[in-house]
Amino acid sequence: MSTDQTPAADSPFRSGYGDRDTAPQYVLPLVVRIERAAPPPRTDALETAARAVLVMLSDERSVGEGEWARVMRDWQDARIRKVVRRARGAEWRRAEALPGITVTGGAAEVRVFPPVPLDGWPKDLARLQVSGTDLDDPEPPAPAAPTAPVLWLNPSLDMSAGKAMAQAGHAAQLAWWDLTDAHRTAWREAGFPLAVRTAPPDRWAALVGSGLPLVRDAGFTEIAPGSCTVVADHPGLRSS
């Protein structure tokens, strides 16, 4: 599933472009492994996708003079589009052979790749299906730890797992942009612990109005333009 988000006005990646749509457009591909016999739980996949985005953002190849740094900057200077596709068997093995990073959760595996032009996907990724990422949790997820960063999903929206994975990745990225260097370092060194949970309906309005990073979807797929999808609640953002 695809989604995009415009960088915030104080994003560290704004260039001379006044309009995000006039900048060259890229997309961050994420591929989730979904084997027929053993699909991952939905929450595990969402959390693993969010961590995959953070791992890509902080990887040494993505910053400074790293080999992916230029395209990462170009991608973040425009709309931070993400597309989640699924793979199994030989498809997954071909995806693993391409430059990228595989992040594992409890049972989920997500491979994230350097951004590619909207019309310039590698053929082994372009042929993967976007649909078919519907996943379920066999049991309701346990409450998040009190000190854990939590990505709160809008309880009134019905999103496929692929769409929700992209939205969770957006929220993690917005939190990463807003954190201090010290909080970023601590989060990275801890292995990017986080939880993805559906917000209690009676808390959602307060979360939206809290000033914490908020994802508003562009509305290209599944949900209406401007829909508030995820709030990123990181302890470092509350203390800064």
C-alpha atoms as a PDB file:
ATOM      1  CA  MET A   1       0.000   0.000   0.000  1.00  0.00           C
ATOM      2  CA  SER A   2       1.222   3.508  -0.754  1.00  0.00           C
ATOM      3  CA  THR A   3       0.992   6.706   1.193  1.00  0.00           C
ATOM      4  CA  ASP A   4       2.806   9.981   1.420  1.00  0.00           C
ATOM      5  CA  GLN A   5       3.400  12.835   3.809  1.00  0.00           C
ATOM      6  CA  THR A   6       4.760  16.332   3.323  1.00  0.00           C
ATOM      7  CA  PRO A   7       7.762  17.219   5.507  1.00  0.00           C
ATOM      8  CA  ALA A   8       7.004  19.558   8.351  1.00  0.00           C
ATOM      9  CA  ALA A   9       7.971  23.202   7.998  1.00  0.00           C
ATOM     10  CA  ASP A  10      10.885  22.748  10.392  1.00  0.00           C
ATOM     11  CA  SER A  11      12.083  19.485   8.849  1.00  0.00           C
ATOM     12  CA  PRO A  12      15.889  19.316   8.642  1.00  0.00           C
ATOM     13  CA  PHE A  13      15.555  18.203   5.028  1.00  0.00           C
ATOM     14  CA  ARG A  14      13.885  21.198   3.470  1.00  0.00           C
ATOM     15  CA  SER A  15      15.790  22.536   0.479  1.00  0.00           C
ATOM     16  CA  GLY A  16      15.203  25.580  -1.687  1.00  0.00           C
ATOM     17  CA  TYR A  17      11.971  24.144  -3.059  1.00  0.00           C
ATOM     18  CA  GLY A  18       8.916  26.097  -2.011  1.00  0.00           C
ATOM     19  CA  ASP A  19       6.477  23.386  -3.032  1.00  0.00           C
ATOM     20  CA  ARG A  20       7.056  19.749  -2.160  1.00  0.00           C
ATOM     21  CA  ASP A  21       5.405  18.716  -5.426  1.00  0.00           C
ATOM     22  CA  THR A  22       7.956  20.570  -7.577  1.00  0.00           C
ATOM     23  CA  ALA A  23      10.854  18.588  -6.105  1.00  0.00           C
ATOM     24  CA  PRO A  24      11.900  15.311  -7.761  1.00  0.00           C
ATOM     25  CA  GLN A  25       9.618  12.623  -6.346  1.00  0.00           C
ATOM     26  CA  TYR A  26      10.904   9.390  -4.830  1.00  0.00           C
ATOM     27  CA  VAL A  27       9.348   6.527  -2.910  1.00  0.00           C
ATOM     28  CA  LEU A  28      10.730   4.400  -0.083  1.00  0.00           C
ATOM     29  CA  PRO A  29       9.972   0.730  -0.864  1.00  0.00           C
ATOM     30  CA  LEU A  30       9.205  -1.667   1.974  1.00  0.00           C
ATOM     31  CA  VAL A  31       8.583  -5.360   1.383  1.00  0.00           C
ATOM     32  CA  VAL A  32       6.925  -7.515   4.022  1.00  0.00           C
ATOM     33  CA  ARG A  33       7.428 -11.246   3.933  1.00  0.00           C
ATOM     34  CA  ILE A  34       4.052 -13.011   3.975  1.00  0.00           C
ATOM     35  CA  GLU A  35       4.354 -16.757   3.512  1.00  0.00           C
ATOM     36  CA  ARG A  36       1.044 -18.544   2.971  1.00  0.00           C
ATOM     37  CA  ALA A  37       1.607 -21.014   5.773  1.00  0.00           C
ATOM     38  CA  ALA A  38       2.845 -18.549   8.384  1.00  0.00           C
ATOM     39  CA  PRO A  39       1.862 -14.894   7.899  1.00  0.00           C
ATOM     40  CA  PRO A  40       3.126 -12.561  10.628  1.00  0.00           C
ATOM     41  CA  PRO A  41       0.752 -11.021  13.173  1.00  0.00           C
ATOM     42  CA  ARG A  42      -0.536  -7.612  12.126  1.00  0.00           C
ATOM     43  CA  THR A  43       0.869  -5.606  15.047  1.00  0.00           C
ATOM     44  CA  ASP A  44       4.259  -7.286  14.708  1.00  0.00           C
ATOM     45  CA  ALA A  45       4.343  -6.315  11.012  1.00  0.00           C
ATOM     46  CA  LEU A  46       3.374  -2.707  11.772  1.00  0.00           C
ATOM     47  CA  GLU A  47       6.024  -2.345  14.460  1.00  0.00           C
ATOM     48  CA  THR A  48       8.685  -3.981  12.297  1.00  0.00           C
ATOM     49  CA  ALA A  49       7.899  -1.666   9.374  1.00  0.00           C
ATOM     50  CA  ALA A  50       8.178   1.398  11.616  1.00  0.00           C
ATOM     51  CA  ARG A  51      11.526   0.193  12.942  1.00  0.00           C
ATOM     52  CA  ALA A  52      12.691  -0.526   9.392  1.00  0.00           C
ATOM     53  CA  VAL A  53      12.112   3.116   8.446  1.00  0.00           C
ATOM     54  CA  LEU A  54      14.102   4.263  11.479  1.00  0.00           C
ATOM     55  CA  VAL A  55      16.922   1.822  10.722  1.00  0.00           C
ATOM     56  CA  MET A  56      17.122   3.153   7.160  1.00  0.00           C
ATOM     57  CA  LEU A  57      17.100   6.790   8.313  1.00  0.00           C
ATOM     58  CA  SER A  58      19.938   6.212  10.779  1.00  0.00           C
ATOM     59  CA  ASP A  59      22.087   3.805   8.741  1.00  0.00           C
ATOM     60  CA  GLU A  60      25.587   5.102   8.031  1.00  0.00           C
ATOM     61  CA  ARG A  61      24.934   4.687   4.304  1.00  0.00           C
ATOM     62  CA  SER A  62      21.981   7.100   4.552  1.00  0.00           C
ATOM     63  CA  VAL A  63      23.768  10.038   6.160  1.00  0.00           C
ATOM     64  CA  GLY A  64      26.778  12.266   5.537  1.00  0.00           C
ATOM     65  CA  GLU A  65      28.651  11.010   2.501  1.00  0.00           C
ATOM     66  CA  GLY A  66      27.108   7.549   2.570  1.00  0.00           C
ATOM     67  CA  GLU A  67      26.199   5.796  -0.664  1.00  0.00           C
ATOM     68  CA  TRP A  68      22.461   6.319  -0.084  1.00  0.00           C
ATOM     69  CA  ALA A  69      22.710   9.808   1.448  1.00  0.00           C
ATOM     70  CA  ARG A  70      21.939  11.817  -1.695  1.00  0.00           C
ATOM     71  CA  VAL A  71      18.810   9.898  -2.617  1.00  0.00           C
ATOM     72  CA  MET A  72      17.681   9.894   1.025  1.00  0.00           C
ATOM     73  CA  ARG A  73      17.967  13.691   1.085  1.00  0.00           C
ATOM     74  CA  ASP A  74      16.155  14.015  -2.246  1.00  0.00           C
ATOM     75  CA  TRP A  75      13.361  11.774  -0.994  1.00  0.00           C
ATOM     76  CA  GLN A  76      12.939  13.717   2.245  1.00  0.00           C
ATOM     77  CA  ASP A  77      13.000  17.044   0.434  1.00  0.00           C
ATOM     78  CA  ALA A  78       9.822  16.044  -1.424  1.00  0.00           C
ATOM     79  CA  ARG A  79       6.819  14.071  -0.220  1.00  0.00           C
ATOM     80  CA  ILE A  80       7.951  11.181   1.954  1.00  0.00           C
ATOM     81  CA  ARG A  81       6.122   8.544  -0.033  1.00  0.00           C
ATOM     82  CA  LYS A  82       6.290   4.924   1.084  1.00  0.00           C
ATOM     83  CA  VAL A  83       4.958   1.839  -0.656  1.00  0.00           C
ATOM     84  CA  VAL A  84       4.535  -1.510   1.083  1.00  0.00           C
ATOM     85  CA  ARG A  85       4.491  -4.649  -1.076  1.00  0.00           C
ATOM     86  CA  ARG A  86       4.398  -8.309  -0.120  1.00  0.00           C
ATOM     87  CA  ALA A  87       6.655 -11.194  -1.100  1.00  0.00           C
ATOM     88  CA  ARG A  88       6.990 -14.892  -0.411  1.00  0.00           C
ATOM     89  CA  GLY A  89       9.286 -17.713  -1.454  1.00  0.00           C
ATOM     90  CA  ALA A  90      11.411 -16.904  -4.491  1.00  0.00           C
ATOM     91  CA  GLU A  91      10.019 -13.348  -4.576  1.00  0.00           C
ATOM     92  CA  TRP A  92      11.408 -12.711  -1.100  1.00  0.00           C
ATOM     93  CA  ARG A  93      14.780 -14.218  -2.014  1.00  0.00           C
ATOM     94  CA  ARG A  94      15.039 -11.947  -5.048  1.00  0.00           C
ATOM     95  CA  ALA A  95      14.135  -8.938  -2.915  1.00  0.00           C
ATOM     96  CA  GLU A  96      16.797  -9.880  -0.378  1.00  0.00           C
ATOM     97  CA  ALA A  97      19.412  -9.883  -3.151  1.00  0.00           C
ATOM     98  CA  LEU A  98      18.825  -6.165  -3.811  1.00  0.00           C
ATOM     99  CA  PRO A  99      20.606  -3.471  -1.769  1.00  0.00           C
ATOM    100  CA  GLY A 100      18.607  -2.807   1.373  1.00  0.00           C
ATOM    101  CA  ILE A 101      18.168  -3.743   5.018  1.00  0.00           C
ATOM    102  CA  THR A 102      16.072  -6.556   6.484  1.00  0.00           C
ATOM    103  CA  VAL A 103      14.548  -5.844   9.891  1.00  0.00           C
ATOM    104  CA  THR A 104      12.991  -8.624  11.930  1.00  0.00           C
ATOM    105  CA  GLY A 105      10.367  -8.502  14.650  1.00  0.00           C
ATOM    106  CA  GLY A 106       8.846 -11.323  16.622  1.00  0.00           C
ATOM    107  CA  ALA A 107       7.801 -13.208  13.492  1.00  0.00           C
ATOM    108  CA  ALA A 108       7.683 -10.397  10.915  1.00  0.00           C
ATOM    109  CA  GLU A 109      10.391  -9.650   8.372  1.00  0.00           C
ATOM    110  CA  VAL A 110      10.432  -6.359   6.502  1.00  0.00           C
ATOM    111  CA  ARG A 111      13.067  -5.321   3.994  1.00  0.00           C
ATOM    112  CA  VAL A 112      13.505  -1.609   3.360  1.00  0.00           C
ATOM    113  CA  PHE A 113      15.294  -0.248   0.313  1.00  0.00           C
ATOM    114  CA  PRO A 114      16.861   3.100  -0.587  1.00  0.00           C
ATOM    115  CA  PRO A 115      14.340   5.446  -2.232  1.00  0.00           C
ATOM    116  CA  VAL A 116      13.674   4.981  -5.936  1.00  0.00           C
ATOM    117  CA  PRO A 117      12.063   7.330  -8.486  1.00  0.00           C
ATOM    118  CA  LEU A 118       8.301   6.959  -8.737  1.00  0.00           C
ATOM    119  CA  ASP A 119       8.686   5.467 -12.214  1.00  0.00           C
ATOM    120  CA  GLY A 120      12.051   3.783 -11.672  1.00  0.00           C
ATOM    121  CA  TRP A 121      11.391   0.710  -9.544  1.00  0.00           C
ATOM    122  CA  PRO A 122      13.777  -2.268  -9.864  1.00  0.00           C
ATOM    123  CA  LYS A 123      11.903  -4.961 -11.761  1.00  0.00           C
ATOM    124  CA  ASP A 124      12.110  -7.480  -8.920  1.00  0.00           C
ATOM    125  CA  LEU A 125      10.277  -5.003  -6.672  1.00  0.00           C
ATOM    126  CA  ALA A 126       7.917  -3.576  -9.290  1.00  0.00           C
ATOM    127  CA  ARG A 127       6.428  -7.011  -9.963  1.00  0.00           C
ATOM    128  CA  LEU A 128       5.489  -7.557  -6.308  1.00  0.00           C
ATOM    129  CA  GLN A 129       1.856  -7.192  -5.303  1.00  0.00           C
ATOM    130  CA  VAL A 130       0.611  -4.237  -3.264  1.00  0.00           C
ATOM    131  CA  SER A 131      -2.665  -5.959  -2.415  1.00  0.00           C
ATOM    132  CA  GLY A 132      -2.893  -9.004  -0.192  1.00  0.00           C
ATOM    133  CA  THR A 133      -1.285  -7.464   2.891  1.00  0.00           C
ATOM    134  CA  ASP A 134      -4.299  -8.114   5.118  1.00  0.00           C
ATOM    135  CA  LEU A 135      -3.037  -9.526   8.405  1.00  0.00           C
ATOM    136  CA  ASP A 136      -4.634 -10.295  11.753  1.00  0.00           C
ATOM    137  CA  ASP A 137      -3.515 -10.495  15.345  1.00  0.00           C
ATOM    138  CA  PRO A 138      -4.283 -13.929  16.812  1.00  0.00           C
ATOM    139  CA  GLU A 139      -4.700 -12.210  20.186  1.00  0.00           C
ATOM    140  CA  PRO A 140      -5.088  -8.555  21.170  1.00  0.00           C
ATOM    141  CA  PRO A 141      -1.648  -6.982  21.670  1.00  0.00           C
ATOM    142  CA  ALA A 142      -0.561  -6.441  25.260  1.00  0.00           C
ATOM    143  CA  PRO A 143      -0.601  -2.870  26.612  1.00  0.00           C
ATOM    144  CA  ALA A 144       2.495  -0.892  25.630  1.00  0.00           C
ATOM    145  CA  ALA A 145       5.149  -0.411  28.302  1.00  0.00           C
ATOM    146  CA  PRO A 146       4.692   2.954  30.062  1.00  0.00           C
ATOM    147  CA  THR A 147       8.100   4.210  28.900  1.00  0.00           C
ATOM    148  CA  ALA A 148       7.900   2.903  25.322  1.00  0.00           C
ATOM    149  CA  PRO A 149       7.442   5.170  22.312  1.00  0.00           C
ATOM    150  CA  VAL A 150       3.945   4.490  21.011  1.00  0.00           C
ATOM    151  CA  LEU A 151       2.540   5.106  17.550  1.00  0.00           C
ATOM    152  CA  TRP A 152      -1.191   5.593  18.140  1.00  0.00           C
ATOM    153  CA  LEU A 153      -3.495   4.592  15.271  1.00  0.00           C
ATOM    154  CA  ASN A 154      -6.750   6.416  14.631  1.00  0.00           C
ATOM    155  CA  PRO A 155      -9.453   4.131  16.067  1.00  0.00           C
ATOM    156  CA  SER A 156     -12.064   5.282  13.550  1.00  0.00           C
ATOM    157  CA  LEU A 157     -10.134   4.315  10.395  1.00  0.00           C
ATOM    158  CA  ASP A 158     -10.167   0.893   8.784  1.00  0.00           C
ATOM    159  CA  MET A 159      -6.801   0.449   7.062  1.00  0.00           C
ATOM    160  CA  SER A 160      -5.266  -2.626   5.484  1.00  0.00           C
ATOM    161  CA  ALA A 161      -2.091  -3.860   7.127  1.00  0.00           C
ATOM    162  CA  GLY A 162      -0.022  -2.514   4.232  1.00  0.00           C
ATOM    163  CA  LYS A 163      -1.540   0.946   4.520  1.00  0.00           C
ATOM    164  CA  ALA A 164      -1.125   0.941   8.295  1.00  0.00           C
ATOM    165  CA  MET A 165       2.508  -0.171   7.952  1.00  0.00           C
ATOM    166  CA  ALA A 166       3.250   2.827   5.739  1.00  0.00           C
ATOM    167  CA  GLN A 167       1.424   5.156   8.132  1.00  0.00           C
ATOM    168  CA  ALA A 168       3.322   3.799  11.135  1.00  0.00           C
ATOM    169  CA  GLY A 169       6.555   4.322   9.213  1.00  0.00           C
ATOM    170  CA  HIS A 170       5.559   7.935   8.586  1.00  0.00           C
ATOM    171  CA  ALA A 171       4.845   8.524  12.263  1.00  0.00           C
ATOM    172  CA  ALA A 172       8.186   7.034  13.290  1.00  0.00           C
ATOM    173  CA  GLN A 173       9.937   9.268  10.768  1.00  0.00           C
ATOM    174  CA  LEU A 174       8.195  12.422  12.014  1.00  0.00           C
ATOM    175  CA  ALA A 175       9.173  11.538  15.577  1.00  0.00           C
ATOM    176  CA  TRP A 176      12.778  10.983  14.449  1.00  0.00           C
ATOM    177  CA  TRP A 177      12.885  14.415  12.832  1.00  0.00           C
ATOM    178  CA  ASP A 178      11.570  16.125  15.973  1.00  0.00           C
ATOM    179  CA  LEU A 179      13.847  14.427  18.519  1.00  0.00           C
ATOM    180  CA  THR A 180      17.075  15.936  19.782  1.00  0.00           C
ATOM    181  CA  ASP A 181      20.353  14.329  18.742  1.00  0.00           C
ATOM    182  CA  ALA A 182      20.720  12.859  22.222  1.00  0.00           C
ATOM    183  CA  HIS A 183      17.295  11.236  22.124  1.00  0.00           C
ATOM    184  CA  ARG A 184      17.926   9.925  18.607  1.00  0.00           C
ATOM    185  CA  THR A 185      21.197   8.347  19.718  1.00  0.00           C
ATOM    186  CA  ALA A 186      19.588   6.737  22.753  1.00  0.00           C
ATOM    187  CA  TRP A 187      16.707   5.357  20.676  1.00  0.00           C
ATOM    188  CA  ARG A 188      19.038   3.949  18.038  1.00  0.00           C
ATOM    189  CA  GLU A 189      21.383   2.370  20.554  1.00  0.00           C
ATOM    190  CA  ALA A 190      18.420   0.711  22.266  1.00  0.00           C
ATOM    191  CA  GLY A 191      17.379  -0.881  18.968  1.00  0.00           C
ATOM    192  CA  PHE A 192      14.421   1.426  18.277  1.00  0.00           C
ATOM    193  CA  PRO A 193      11.937  -0.056  20.746  1.00  0.00           C
ATOM    194  CA  LEU A 194       8.379   1.046  19.957  1.00  0.00           C
ATOM    195  CA  ALA A 195       4.791  -0.099  20.067  1.00  0.00           C
ATOM    196  CA  VAL A 196       1.961   0.385  17.590  1.00  0.00           C
ATOM    197  CA  ARG A 197      -1.454   0.433  19.205  1.00  0.00           C
ATOM    198  CA  THR A 198      -4.939   1.614  18.322  1.00  0.00           C
ATOM    199  CA  ALA A 199      -5.770   4.651  20.424  1.00  0.00           C
ATOM    200  CA  PRO A 200      -8.732   4.406  22.816  1.00  0.00           C
ATOM    201  CA  PRO A 201     -11.566   6.318  21.111  1.00  0.00           C
ATOM    202  CA  ASP A 202     -11.919   8.678  24.066  1.00  0.00           C
ATOM    203  CA  ARG A 203      -8.216   9.631  23.877  1.00  0.00           C
ATOM    204  CA  TRP A 204      -7.873  10.222  20.139  1.00  0.00           C
ATOM    205  CA  ALA A 205      -8.974  13.874  20.081  1.00  0.00           C
ATOM    206  CA  ALA A 206      -6.547  14.726  22.890  1.00  0.00           C
ATOM    207  CA  LEU A 207      -3.707  12.979  21.094  1.00  0.00           C
ATOM    208  CA  VAL A 208      -4.428  14.878  17.879  1.00  0.00           C
ATOM    209  CA  GLY A 209      -4.397  18.167  19.782  1.00  0.00           C
ATOM    210  CA  SER A 210      -1.356  17.341  21.895  1.00  0.00           C
ATOM    211  CA  GLY A 211       1.259  18.866  19.595  1.00  0.00           C
ATOM    212  CA  LEU A 212       2.931  15.481  19.103  1.00  0.00           C
ATOM    213  CA  PRO A 213       3.862  14.494  15.523  1.00  0.00           C
ATOM    214  CA  LEU A 214       0.708  13.762  13.559  1.00  0.00           C
ATOM    215  CA  VAL A 215       0.393  12.025  10.202  1.00  0.00           C
ATOM    216  CA  ARG A 216      -2.197  13.441   7.805  1.00  0.00           C
ATOM    217  CA  ASP A 217      -2.573  11.199   4.799  1.00  0.00           C
ATOM    218  CA  ALA A 218      -2.585  12.532   1.248  1.00  0.00           C
ATOM    219  CA  GLY A 219      -5.576  10.363   0.417  1.00  0.00           C
ATOM    220  CA  PHE A 220      -4.214   8.509  -2.605  1.00  0.00           C
ATOM    221  CA  THR A 221      -5.427   5.122  -1.335  1.00  0.00           C
ATOM    222  CA  GLU A 222      -8.052   3.748   1.033  1.00  0.00           C
ATOM    223  CA  ILE A 223      -8.841   6.840   3.127  1.00  0.00           C
ATOM    224  CA  ALA A 224      -9.960  10.421   2.559  1.00  0.00           C
ATOM    225  CA  PRO A 225      -7.370  13.178   1.949  1.00  0.00           C
ATOM    226  CA  GLY A 226      -6.284  14.906   5.128  1.00  0.00           C
ATOM    227  CA  SER A 227      -7.282  12.046   7.400  1.00  0.00           C
ATOM    228  CA  CYS A 228      -5.349  11.977  10.676  1.00  0.00           C
ATOM    229  CA  THR A 229      -3.951   8.466  10.863  1.00  0.00           C
ATOM    230  CA  VAL A 230      -1.213   8.187  13.505  1.00  0.00           C
ATOM    231  CA  VAL A 231       0.151  10.205  16.424  1.00  0.00           C
ATOM    232  CA  ALA A 232       3.764   9.534  17.447  1.00  0.00           C
ATOM    233  CA  ASP A 233       4.150   9.646  21.219  1.00  0.00           C
ATOM    234  CA  HIS A 234       7.839   9.414  22.157  1.00  0.00           C
ATOM    235  CA  PRO A 235       8.927  10.268  25.727  1.00  0.00           C
ATOM    236  CA  GLY A 236      11.690  12.438  24.317  1.00  0.00           C
ATOM    237  CA  LEU A 237       9.131  14.642  22.603  1.00  0.00           C
ATOM    238  CA  ARG A 238       7.219  15.188  25.808  1.00  0.00           C
ATOM    239  CA  SER A 239      10.324  16.230  27.710  1.00  0.00           C
ATOM    240  CA  SER A 240      11.820  18.517  25.036  1.00  0.00           C
END
